[in-house]
Amino acid sequence: MDFPSNPRYQGKPLLRLLELYVLWSIGQLSETDAKNLEEMTPQLQSVYDAHGDWQQVIAVAMQFSPNMPDMIRDLWVRNCEIARQNQTTLAPQQFAEMFVDENFAE
């Protein structure tokens, strides 16, 4: 998978994978990213010594609880409502970055 040429991801491939997991959880994963992740699932399974689809591999690698996607979705809905009350919108990628930064910062 090609990671965006953003300095944010240099040397941190898991960072982008976590953002993609968040985007998947909120129903905002692009078809291109979904296809790329499916294609790289065998590599992810090998790297993280886990079985299943790419979502399950990331969940195992990060020791996520089974309800993590639901928790992410609930937070997305709450944050979108806060943004709406402040007369702005929250972009899915912006939310994914905020979520990952707040919960998985190094």
PDB file of N, CA and C in Angstrom:
ATOM      1  N   MET A   1       0.851  -1.178   0.000  1.00  0.00           N
ATOM      2  CA  MET A   1       0.000   0.000   0.000  1.00  0.00           C
ATOM      3  C   MET A   1       0.888   1.230   0.000  1.00  0.00           C
ATOM      4  N   ASP A   2       0.538   2.170  -0.816  1.00  0.00           N
ATOM      5  CA  ASP A   2       1.271   3.432  -0.834  1.00  0.00           C
ATOM      6  C   ASP A   2       0.681   4.327   0.230  1.00  0.00           C
ATOM      7  N   PHE A   3       1.535   4.823   1.094  1.00  0.00           N
ATOM      8  CA  PHE A   3       1.076   5.751   2.109  1.00  0.00           C
ATOM      9  C   PHE A   3       1.228   7.153   1.575  1.00  0.00           C
ATOM     10  N   PRO A   4       0.337   8.048   1.941  1.00  0.00           N
ATOM     11  CA  PRO A   4       0.445   9.412   1.463  1.00  0.00           C
ATOM     12  C   PRO A   4       1.842   9.968   1.761  1.00  0.00           C
ATOM     13  N   SER A   5       2.315  10.799   0.843  1.00  0.00           N
ATOM     14  CA  SER A   5       3.653  11.365   1.037  1.00  0.00           C
ATOM     15  C   SER A   5       3.574  12.507   2.045  1.00  0.00           C
ATOM     16  N   ASN A   6       3.074  12.190   3.187  1.00  0.00           N
ATOM     17  CA  ASN A   6       2.886  13.134   4.273  1.00  0.00           C
ATOM     18  C   ASN A   6       3.919  12.795   5.345  1.00  0.00           C
ATOM     19  N   PRO A   7       4.660  13.788   5.824  1.00  0.00           N
ATOM     20  CA  PRO A   7       5.657  13.507   6.866  1.00  0.00           C
ATOM     21  C   PRO A   7       5.057  12.840   8.113  1.00  0.00           C
ATOM     22  N   ARG A   8       3.752  12.999   8.293  1.00  0.00           N
ATOM     23  CA  ARG A   8       3.063  12.380   9.439  1.00  0.00           C
ATOM     24  C   ARG A   8       3.298  10.872   9.477  1.00  0.00           C
ATOM     25  N   TYR A   9       3.414  10.241   8.302  1.00  0.00           N
ATOM     26  CA  TYR A   9       3.489   8.786   8.232  1.00  0.00           C
ATOM     27  C   TYR A   9       4.897   8.238   8.050  1.00  0.00           C
ATOM     28  N   GLN A  10       5.870   9.098   7.920  1.00  0.00           N
ATOM     29  CA  GLN A  10       7.231   8.617   7.696  1.00  0.00           C
ATOM     30  C   GLN A  10       7.701   7.778   8.877  1.00  0.00           C
ATOM     31  N   GLY A  11       8.030   6.526   8.580  1.00  0.00           N
ATOM     32  CA  GLY A  11       8.486   5.610   9.613  1.00  0.00           C
ATOM     33  C   GLY A  11       7.395   5.129  10.547  1.00  0.00           C
ATOM     34  N   LYS A  12       6.132   5.422  10.217  1.00  0.00           N
ATOM     35  CA  LYS A  12       5.012   5.059  11.090  1.00  0.00           C
ATOM     36  C   LYS A  12       3.867   4.450  10.276  1.00  0.00           C
ATOM     37  N   PRO A  13       4.094   3.321   9.628  1.00  0.00           N
ATOM     38  CA  PRO A  13       3.016   2.750   8.809  1.00  0.00           C
ATOM     39  C   PRO A  13       1.782   2.365   9.619  1.00  0.00           C
ATOM     40  N   LEU A  14       1.958   2.004  10.867  1.00  0.00           N
ATOM     41  CA  LEU A  14       0.805   1.625  11.685  1.00  0.00           C
ATOM     42  C   LEU A  14      -0.129   2.822  11.903  1.00  0.00           C
ATOM     43  N   LEU A  15       0.431   4.015  11.929  1.00  0.00           N
ATOM     44  CA  LEU A  15      -0.373   5.215  12.119  1.00  0.00           C
ATOM     45  C   LEU A  15      -1.442   5.312  11.031  1.00  0.00           C
ATOM     46  N   ARG A  16      -1.041   5.129   9.778  1.00  0.00           N
ATOM     47  CA  ARG A  16      -1.994   5.199   8.678  1.00  0.00           C
ATOM     48  C   ARG A  16      -2.984   4.039   8.743  1.00  0.00           C
ATOM     49  N   LEU A  17      -2.519   2.855   9.104  1.00  0.00           N
ATOM     50  CA  LEU A  17      -3.425   1.712   9.230  1.00  0.00           C
ATOM     51  C   LEU A  17      -4.493   1.969  10.294  1.00  0.00           C
ATOM     52  N   LEU A  18      -4.102   2.592  11.383  1.00  0.00           N
ATOM     53  CA  LEU A  18      -5.070   2.917  12.436  1.00  0.00           C
ATOM     54  C   LEU A  18      -6.092   3.933  11.938  1.00  0.00           C
ATOM     55  N   GLU A  19      -5.624   4.929  11.191  1.00  0.00           N
ATOM     56  CA  GLU A  19      -6.559   5.902  10.631  1.00  0.00           C
ATOM     57  C   GLU A  19      -7.542   5.219   9.674  1.00  0.00           C
ATOM     58  N   LEU A  20      -7.029   4.305   8.865  1.00  0.00           N
ATOM     59  CA  LEU A  20      -7.908   3.579   7.942  1.00  0.00           C
ATOM     60  C   LEU A  20      -8.913   2.713   8.698  1.00  0.00           C
ATOM     61  N   TYR A  21      -8.496   2.138   9.821  1.00  0.00           N
ATOM     62  CA  TYR A  21      -9.398   1.362  10.666  1.00  0.00           C
ATOM     63  C   TYR A  21     -10.515   2.271  11.193  1.00  0.00           C
ATOM     64  N   VAL A  22     -10.142   3.472  11.611  1.00  0.00           N
ATOM     65  CA  VAL A  22     -11.143   4.432  12.098  1.00  0.00           C
ATOM     66  C   VAL A  22     -12.098   4.794  10.963  1.00  0.00           C
ATOM     67  N   LEU A  23     -11.563   5.086   9.793  1.00  0.00           N
ATOM     68  CA  LEU A  23     -12.413   5.435   8.648  1.00  0.00           C
ATOM     69  C   LEU A  23     -13.357   4.283   8.306  1.00  0.00           C
ATOM     70  N   TRP A  24     -12.856   3.054   8.361  1.00  0.00           N
ATOM     71  CA  TRP A  24     -13.702   1.883   8.132  1.00  0.00           C
ATOM     72  C   TRP A  24     -14.808   1.822   9.191  1.00  0.00           C
ATOM     73  N   SER A  25     -14.454   2.078  10.443  1.00  0.00           N
ATOM     74  CA  SER A  25     -15.416   1.993  11.549  1.00  0.00           C
ATOM     75  C   SER A  25     -16.564   2.977  11.389  1.00  0.00           C
ATOM     76  N   ILE A  26     -16.280   4.132  10.790  1.00  0.00           N
ATOM     77  CA  ILE A  26     -17.327   5.155  10.637  1.00  0.00           C
ATOM     78  C   ILE A  26     -17.958   5.128   9.239  1.00  0.00           C
ATOM     79  N   GLY A  27     -17.621   4.096   8.463  1.00  0.00           N
ATOM     80  CA  GLY A  27     -18.218   3.953   7.143  1.00  0.00           C
ATOM     81  C   GLY A  27     -17.690   4.931   6.113  1.00  0.00           C
ATOM     82  N   GLN A  28     -16.458   5.397   6.292  1.00  0.00           N
ATOM     83  CA  GLN A  28     -15.897   6.401   5.392  1.00  0.00           C
ATOM     84  C   GLN A  28     -14.620   5.936   4.692  1.00  0.00           C
ATOM     85  N   LEU A  29     -14.375   4.648   4.662  1.00  0.00           N
ATOM     86  CA  LEU A  29     -13.188   4.120   3.992  1.00  0.00           C
ATOM     87  C   LEU A  29     -13.435   4.107   2.485  1.00  0.00           C
ATOM     88  N   SER A  30     -12.521   4.685   1.725  1.00  0.00           N
ATOM     89  CA  SER A  30     -12.690   4.734   0.275  1.00  0.00           C
ATOM     90  C   SER A  30     -12.590   3.332  -0.320  1.00  0.00           C
ATOM     91  N   GLU A  31     -13.200   3.163  -1.479  1.00  0.00           N
ATOM     92  CA  GLU A  31     -13.132   1.869  -2.161  1.00  0.00           C
ATOM     93  C   GLU A  31     -11.686   1.508  -2.492  1.00  0.00           C
ATOM     94  N   THR A  32     -10.907   2.509  -2.884  1.00  0.00           N
ATOM     95  CA  THR A  32      -9.498   2.274  -3.219  1.00  0.00           C
ATOM     96  C   THR A  32      -8.732   1.769  -2.012  1.00  0.00           C
ATOM     97  N   ASP A  33      -8.911   2.441  -0.859  1.00  0.00           N
ATOM     98  CA  ASP A  33      -8.219   1.998   0.355  1.00  0.00           C
ATOM     99  C   ASP A  33      -8.694   0.613   0.777  1.00  0.00           C
ATOM    100  N   ALA A  34      -9.989   0.355   0.646  1.00  0.00           N
ATOM    101  CA  ALA A  34     -10.529  -0.960   1.017  1.00  0.00           C
ATOM    102  C   ALA A  34      -9.898  -2.049   0.152  1.00  0.00           C
ATOM    103  N   LYS A  35      -9.801  -1.792  -1.129  1.00  0.00           N
ATOM    104  CA  LYS A  35      -9.212  -2.768  -2.043  1.00  0.00           C
ATOM    105  C   LYS A  35      -7.739  -2.982  -1.716  1.00  0.00           C
ATOM    106  N   ASN A  36      -7.016  -1.898  -1.481  1.00  0.00           N
ATOM    107  CA  ASN A  36      -5.592  -2.009  -1.136  1.00  0.00           C
ATOM    108  C   ASN A  36      -5.383  -2.791   0.155  1.00  0.00           C
ATOM    109  N   LEU A  37      -6.238  -2.545   1.136  1.00  0.00           N
ATOM    110  CA  LEU A  37      -6.121  -3.250   2.413  1.00  0.00           C
ATOM    111  C   LEU A  37      -6.421  -4.734   2.251  1.00  0.00           C
ATOM    112  N   GLU A  38      -7.405  -5.064   1.428  1.00  0.00           N
ATOM    113  CA  GLU A  38      -7.703  -6.475   1.175  1.00  0.00           C
ATOM    114  C   GLU A  38      -6.507  -7.164   0.526  1.00  0.00           C
ATOM    115  N   GLU A  39      -5.873  -6.458  -0.414  1.00  0.00           N
ATOM    116  CA  GLU A  39      -4.723  -7.034  -1.103  1.00  0.00           C
ATOM    117  C   GLU A  39      -3.524  -7.221  -0.177  1.00  0.00           C
ATOM    118  N   MET A  40      -3.398  -6.350   0.809  1.00  0.00           N
ATOM    119  CA  MET A  40      -2.238  -6.466   1.698  1.00  0.00           C
ATOM    120  C   MET A  40      -2.521  -7.277   2.959  1.00  0.00           C
ATOM    121  N   THR A  41      -3.723  -7.839   3.065  1.00  0.00           N
ATOM    122  CA  THR A  41      -4.077  -8.633   4.243  1.00  0.00           C
ATOM    123  C   THR A  41      -3.091  -9.767   4.516  1.00  0.00           C
ATOM    124  N   PRO A  42      -2.672 -10.554   3.509  1.00  0.00           N
ATOM    125  CA  PRO A  42      -1.709 -11.618   3.814  1.00  0.00           C
ATOM    126  C   PRO A  42      -0.407 -11.084   4.426  1.00  0.00           C
ATOM    127  N   GLN A  43       0.052  -9.950   3.937  1.00  0.00           N
ATOM    128  CA  GLN A  43       1.269  -9.338   4.497  1.00  0.00           C
ATOM    129  C   GLN A  43       1.031  -8.897   5.942  1.00  0.00           C
ATOM    130  N   LEU A  44      -0.125  -8.287   6.196  1.00  0.00           N
ATOM    131  CA  LEU A  44      -0.455  -7.865   7.563  1.00  0.00           C
ATOM    132  C   LEU A  44      -0.558  -9.075   8.489  1.00  0.00           C
ATOM    133  N   GLN A  45      -1.173 -10.147   8.000  1.00  0.00           N
ATOM    134  CA  GLN A  45      -1.291 -11.362   8.805  1.00  0.00           C
ATOM    135  C   GLN A  45       0.086 -11.878   9.188  1.00  0.00           C
ATOM    136  N   SER A  46       1.012 -11.816   8.259  1.00  0.00           N
ATOM    137  CA  SER A  46       2.370 -12.284   8.515  1.00  0.00           C
ATOM    138  C   SER A  46       3.100 -11.378   9.498  1.00  0.00           C
ATOM    139  N   VAL A  47       3.010 -10.072   9.266  1.00  0.00           N
ATOM    140  CA  VAL A  47       3.708  -9.103  10.125  1.00  0.00           C
ATOM    141  C   VAL A  47       3.206  -9.177  11.565  1.00  0.00           C
ATOM    142  N   TYR A  48       1.882  -9.251  11.731  1.00  0.00           N
ATOM    143  CA  TYR A  48       1.291  -9.208  13.070  1.00  0.00           C
ATOM    144  C   TYR A  48       0.931 -10.588  13.621  1.00  0.00           C
ATOM    145  N   ASP A  49       1.307 -11.639  12.890  1.00  0.00           N
ATOM    146  CA  ASP A  49       1.065 -13.017  13.321  1.00  0.00           C
ATOM    147  C   ASP A  49      -0.381 -13.191  13.784  1.00  0.00           C
ATOM    148  N   ALA A  50      -1.297 -12.803  12.890  1.00  0.00           N
ATOM    149  CA  ALA A  50      -2.719 -12.867  13.213  1.00  0.00           C
ATOM    150  C   ALA A  50      -3.482 -13.391  11.998  1.00  0.00           C
ATOM    151  N   HIS A  51      -4.671 -13.879  12.251  1.00  0.00           N
ATOM    152  CA  HIS A  51      -5.521 -14.421  11.189  1.00  0.00           C
ATOM    153  C   HIS A  51      -6.734 -13.530  11.011  1.00  0.00           C
ATOM    154  N   GLY A  52      -7.402 -13.688   9.887  1.00  0.00           N
ATOM    155  CA  GLY A  52      -8.626 -12.944   9.626  1.00  0.00           C
ATOM    156  C   GLY A  52      -8.420 -11.863   8.596  1.00  0.00           C
ATOM    157  N   ASP A  53      -9.459 -11.039   8.431  1.00  0.00           N
ATOM    158  CA  ASP A  53      -9.363  -9.944   7.480  1.00  0.00           C
ATOM    159  C   ASP A  53      -8.502  -8.828   8.081  1.00  0.00           C
ATOM    160  N   TRP A  54      -8.255  -7.793   7.293  1.00  0.00           N
ATOM    161  CA  TRP A  54      -7.324  -6.754   7.758  1.00  0.00           C
ATOM    162  C   TRP A  54      -7.817  -6.084   9.038  1.00  0.00           C
ATOM    163  N   GLN A  55      -9.134  -5.923   9.173  1.00  0.00           N
ATOM    164  CA  GLN A  55      -9.672  -5.303  10.386  1.00  0.00           C
ATOM    165  C   GLN A  55      -9.368  -6.156  11.612  1.00  0.00           C
ATOM    166  N   GLN A  56      -9.538  -7.471  11.462  1.00  0.00           N
ATOM    167  CA  GLN A  56      -9.270  -8.375  12.584  1.00  0.00           C
ATOM    168  C   GLN A  56      -7.785  -8.385  12.925  1.00  0.00           C
ATOM    169  N   VAL A  57      -6.935  -8.313  11.917  1.00  0.00           N
ATOM    170  CA  VAL A  57      -5.491  -8.299  12.163  1.00  0.00           C
ATOM    171  C   VAL A  57      -5.108  -7.052  12.954  1.00  0.00           C
ATOM    172  N   ILE A  58      -5.622  -5.900  12.548  1.00  0.00           N
ATOM    173  CA  ILE A  58      -5.320  -4.656  13.273  1.00  0.00           C
ATOM    174  C   ILE A  58      -5.873  -4.740  14.693  1.00  0.00           C
ATOM    175  N   ALA A  59      -7.082  -5.263  14.843  1.00  0.00           N
ATOM    176  CA  ALA A  59      -7.685  -5.382  16.171  1.00  0.00           C
ATOM    177  C   ALA A  59      -6.844  -6.271  17.080  1.00  0.00           C
ATOM    178  N   VAL A  60      -6.334  -7.374  16.541  1.00  0.00           N
ATOM    179  CA  VAL A  60      -5.475  -8.266  17.335  1.00  0.00           C
ATOM    180  C   VAL A  60      -4.162  -7.564  17.674  1.00  0.00           C
ATOM    181  N   ALA A  61      -3.557  -6.926  16.684  1.00  0.00           N
ATOM    182  CA  ALA A  61      -2.274  -6.258  16.898  1.00  0.00           C
ATOM    183  C   ALA A  61      -2.379  -5.170  17.959  1.00  0.00           C
ATOM    184  N   MET A  62      -3.515  -4.482  17.990  1.00  0.00           N
ATOM    185  CA  MET A  62      -3.705  -3.377  18.932  1.00  0.00           C
ATOM    186  C   MET A  62      -4.440  -3.798  20.204  1.00  0.00           C
ATOM    187  N   GLN A  63      -4.839  -5.056  20.268  1.00  0.00           N
ATOM    188  CA  GLN A  63      -5.592  -5.590  21.406  1.00  0.00           C
ATOM    189  C   GLN A  63      -6.887  -4.807  21.641  1.00  0.00           C
ATOM    190  N   PHE A  64      -7.587  -4.523  20.529  1.00  0.00           N
ATOM    191  CA  PHE A  64      -8.862  -3.812  20.610  1.00  0.00           C
ATOM    192  C   PHE A  64      -9.934  -4.730  21.163  1.00  0.00           C
ATOM    193  N   SER A  65     -10.856  -4.151  21.888  1.00  0.00           N
ATOM    194  CA  SER A  65     -12.017  -4.905  22.341  1.00  0.00           C
ATOM    195  C   SER A  65     -12.935  -5.123  21.132  1.00  0.00           C
ATOM    196  N   PRO A  66     -13.771  -6.148  21.185  1.00  0.00           N
ATOM    197  CA  PRO A  66     -14.657  -6.435  20.049  1.00  0.00           C
ATOM    198  C   PRO A  66     -15.596  -5.281  19.687  1.00  0.00           C
ATOM    199  N   ASN A  67     -15.892  -4.419  20.657  1.00  0.00           N
ATOM    200  CA  ASN A  67     -16.818  -3.317  20.385  1.00  0.00           C
ATOM    201  C   ASN A  67     -16.113  -2.019  19.977  1.00  0.00           C
ATOM    202  N   MET A  68     -14.822  -2.088  19.656  1.00  0.00           N
ATOM    203  CA  MET A  68     -14.087  -0.878  19.276  1.00  0.00           C
ATOM    204  C   MET A  68     -14.742  -0.140  18.103  1.00  0.00           C
ATOM    205  N   PRO A  69     -15.139  -0.819  17.023  1.00  0.00           N
ATOM    206  CA  PRO A  69     -15.782  -0.065  15.938  1.00  0.00           C
ATOM    207  C   PRO A  69     -17.036   0.694  16.396  1.00  0.00           C
ATOM    208  N   ASP A  70     -17.821   0.079  17.274  1.00  0.00           N
ATOM    209  CA  ASP A  70     -19.023   0.753  17.794  1.00  0.00           C
ATOM    210  C   ASP A  70     -18.644   1.971  18.623  1.00  0.00           C
ATOM    211  N   MET A  71     -17.619   1.858  19.432  1.00  0.00           N
ATOM    212  CA  MET A  71     -17.173   2.988  20.252  1.00  0.00           C
ATOM    213  C   MET A  71     -16.672   4.136  19.361  1.00  0.00           C
ATOM    214  N   ILE A  72     -15.923   3.787  18.308  1.00  0.00           N
ATOM    215  CA  ILE A  72     -15.431   4.806  17.380  1.00  0.00           C
ATOM    216  C   ILE A  72     -16.607   5.485  16.689  1.00  0.00           C
ATOM    217  N   ARG A  73     -17.586   4.696  16.235  1.00  0.00           N
ATOM    218  CA  ARG A  73     -18.766   5.251  15.565  1.00  0.00           C
ATOM    219  C   ARG A  73     -19.539   6.194  16.482  1.00  0.00           C
ATOM    220  N   ASP A  74     -19.720   5.802  17.731  1.00  0.00           N
ATOM    221  CA  ASP A  74     -20.428   6.655  18.690  1.00  0.00           C
ATOM    222  C   ASP A  74     -19.699   7.983  18.879  1.00  0.00           C
ATOM    223  N   LEU A  75     -18.395   7.922  18.981  1.00  0.00           N
ATOM    224  CA  LEU A  75     -17.601   9.141  19.144  1.00  0.00           C
ATOM    225  C   LEU A  75     -17.688  10.022  17.898  1.00  0.00           C
ATOM    226  N   TRP A  76     -17.693   9.397  16.720  1.00  0.00           N
ATOM    227  CA  TRP A  76     -17.838  10.117  15.454  1.00  0.00           C
ATOM    228  C   TRP A  76     -19.165  10.889  15.441  1.00  0.00           C
ATOM    229  N   VAL A  77     -20.247  10.216  15.809  1.00  0.00           N
ATOM    230  CA  VAL A  77     -21.564  10.853  15.819  1.00  0.00           C
ATOM    231  C   VAL A  77     -21.572  12.026  16.792  1.00  0.00           C
ATOM    232  N   ARG A  78     -21.030  11.833  17.987  1.00  0.00           N
ATOM    233  CA  ARG A  78     -20.987  12.913  18.984  1.00  0.00           C
ATOM    234  C   ARG A  78     -20.150  14.094  18.482  1.00  0.00           C
ATOM    235  N   ASN A  79     -19.001  13.806  17.890  1.00  0.00           N
ATOM    236  CA  ASN A  79     -18.128  14.879  17.405  1.00  0.00           C
ATOM    237  C   ASN A  79     -18.737  15.611  16.213  1.00  0.00           C
ATOM    238  N   CYS A  80     -19.454  14.907  15.353  1.00  0.00           N
ATOM    239  CA  CYS A  80     -20.143  15.567  14.240  1.00  0.00           C
ATOM    240  C   CYS A  80     -21.221  16.509  14.766  1.00  0.00           C
ATOM    241  N   GLU A  81     -21.909  16.075  15.818  1.00  0.00           N
ATOM    242  CA  GLU A  81     -22.946  16.923  16.412  1.00  0.00           C
ATOM    243  C   GLU A  81     -22.308  18.176  17.044  1.00  0.00           C
ATOM    244  N   ILE A  82     -21.200  18.016  17.714  1.00  0.00           N
ATOM    245  CA  ILE A  82     -20.494  19.170  18.296  1.00  0.00           C
ATOM    246  C   ILE A  82     -20.069  20.132  17.191  1.00  0.00           C
ATOM    247  N   ALA A  83     -19.537  19.586  16.122  1.00  0.00           N
ATOM    248  CA  ALA A  83     -19.125  20.423  14.988  1.00  0.00           C
ATOM    249  C   ALA A  83     -20.335  21.169  14.417  1.00  0.00           C
ATOM    250  N   ARG A  84     -21.464  20.452  14.259  1.00  0.00           N
ATOM    251  CA  ARG A  84     -22.672  21.080  13.727  1.00  0.00           C
ATOM    252  C   ARG A  84     -23.146  22.216  14.620  1.00  0.00           C
ATOM    253  N   GLN A  85     -23.092  22.004  15.951  1.00  0.00           N
ATOM    254  CA  GLN A  85     -23.498  23.047  16.890  1.00  0.00           C
ATOM    255  C   GLN A  85     -22.583  24.266  16.793  1.00  0.00           C
ATOM    256  N   ASN A  86     -21.351  24.033  16.381  1.00  0.00           N
ATOM    257  CA  ASN A  86     -20.396  25.131  16.203  1.00  0.00           C
ATOM    258  C   ASN A  86     -20.372  25.632  14.762  1.00  0.00           C
ATOM    259  N   GLN A  87     -21.382  25.252  14.001  1.00  0.00           N
ATOM    260  CA  GLN A  87     -21.564  25.673  12.608  1.00  0.00           C
ATOM    261  C   GLN A  87     -20.353  25.369  11.735  1.00  0.00           C
ATOM    262  N   THR A  88     -19.840  24.154  11.888  1.00  0.00           N
ATOM    263  CA  THR A  88     -18.733  23.686  11.063  1.00  0.00           C
ATOM    264  C   THR A  88     -18.967  22.212  10.754  1.00  0.00           C
ATOM    265  N   THR A  89     -18.109  21.659   9.967  1.00  0.00           N
ATOM    266  CA  THR A  89     -18.212  20.232   9.686  1.00  0.00           C
ATOM    267  C   THR A  89     -16.903  19.559  10.077  1.00  0.00           C
ATOM    268  N   LEU A  90     -16.996  18.305  10.378  1.00  0.00           N
ATOM    269  CA  LEU A  90     -15.831  17.508  10.738  1.00  0.00           C
ATOM    270  C   LEU A  90     -15.579  16.522   9.611  1.00  0.00           C
ATOM    271  N   ALA A  91     -14.441  16.660   8.960  1.00  0.00           N
ATOM    272  CA  ALA A  91     -14.094  15.751   7.868  1.00  0.00           C
ATOM    273  C   ALA A  91     -13.699  14.396   8.444  1.00  0.00           C
ATOM    274  N   PRO A  92     -14.065  13.324   7.764  1.00  0.00           N
ATOM    275  CA  PRO A  92     -13.718  11.986   8.262  1.00  0.00           C
ATOM    276  C   PRO A  92     -12.222  11.806   8.514  1.00  0.00           C
ATOM    277  N   GLN A  93     -11.367  12.261   7.605  1.00  0.00           N
ATOM    278  CA  GLN A  93      -9.923  12.111   7.800  1.00  0.00           C
ATOM    279  C   GLN A  93      -9.455  12.905   9.007  1.00  0.00           C
ATOM    280  N   GLN A  94     -10.016  14.085   9.193  1.00  0.00           N
ATOM    281  CA  GLN A  94      -9.666  14.911  10.362  1.00  0.00           C
ATOM    282  C   GLN A  94     -10.034  14.170  11.647  1.00  0.00           C
ATOM    283  N   PHE A  95     -11.216  13.579  11.673  1.00  0.00           N
ATOM    284  CA  PHE A  95     -11.629  12.805  12.849  1.00  0.00           C
ATOM    285  C   PHE A  95     -10.693  11.631  13.075  1.00  0.00           C
ATOM    286  N   ALA A  96     -10.360  10.918  11.996  1.00  0.00           N
ATOM    287  CA  ALA A  96      -9.475   9.753  12.124  1.00  0.00           C
ATOM    288  C   ALA A  96      -8.133  10.160  12.715  1.00  0.00           C
ATOM    289  N   GLU A  97      -7.568  11.251  12.229  1.00  0.00           N
ATOM    290  CA  GLU A  97      -6.285  11.718  12.755  1.00  0.00           C
ATOM    291  C   GLU A  97      -6.407  12.116  14.220  1.00  0.00           C
ATOM    292  N   MET A  98      -7.477  12.844  14.556  1.00  0.00           N
ATOM    293  CA  MET A  98      -7.669  13.253  15.958  1.00  0.00           C
ATOM    294  C   MET A  98      -7.824  12.031  16.854  1.00  0.00           C
ATOM    295  N   PHE A  99      -8.623  11.070  16.414  1.00  0.00           N
ATOM    296  CA  PHE A  99      -8.848   9.871  17.218  1.00  0.00           C
ATOM    297  C   PHE A  99      -7.542   9.125  17.455  1.00  0.00           C
ATOM    298  N   VAL A 100      -6.783   8.910  16.405  1.00  0.00           N
ATOM    299  CA  VAL A 100      -5.519   8.175  16.517  1.00  0.00           C
ATOM    300  C   VAL A 100      -4.526   8.954  17.385  1.00  0.00           C
ATOM    301  N   ASP A 101      -4.431  10.257  17.163  1.00  0.00           N
ATOM    302  CA  ASP A 101      -3.490  11.063  17.949  1.00  0.00           C
ATOM    303  C   ASP A 101      -3.834  11.053  19.441  1.00  0.00           C
ATOM    304  N   GLU A 102      -5.121  11.111  19.740  1.00  0.00           N
ATOM    305  CA  GLU A 102      -5.548  11.169  21.139  1.00  0.00           C
ATOM    306  C   GLU A 102      -5.466   9.819  21.842  1.00  0.00           C
ATOM    307  N   ASN A 103      -5.597   8.732  21.092  1.00  0.00           N
ATOM    308  CA  ASN A 103      -5.670   7.413  21.714  1.00  0.00           C
ATOM    309  C   ASN A 103      -4.435   6.532  21.531  1.00  0.00           C
ATOM    310  N   PHE A 104      -3.602   6.875  20.562  1.00  0.00           N
ATOM    311  CA  PHE A 104      -2.455   6.014  20.282  1.00  0.00           C
ATOM    312  C   PHE A 104      -1.178   6.818  20.104  1.00  0.00           C
ATOM    313  N   ALA A 105      -1.112   7.967  20.756  1.00  0.00           N
ATOM    314  CA  ALA A 105       0.091   8.809  20.635  1.00  0.00           C
ATOM    315  C   ALA A 105       1.286   8.063  21.198  1.00  0.00           C
ATOM    316  N   GLU A 106       2.413   8.332  20.589  1.00  0.00           N
ATOM    317  CA  GLU A 106       3.653   7.670  21.031  1.00  0.00           C
ATOM    318  C   GLU A 106       4.158   8.293  22.303  1.00  0.00           C
TER     319      GLU A 106
END
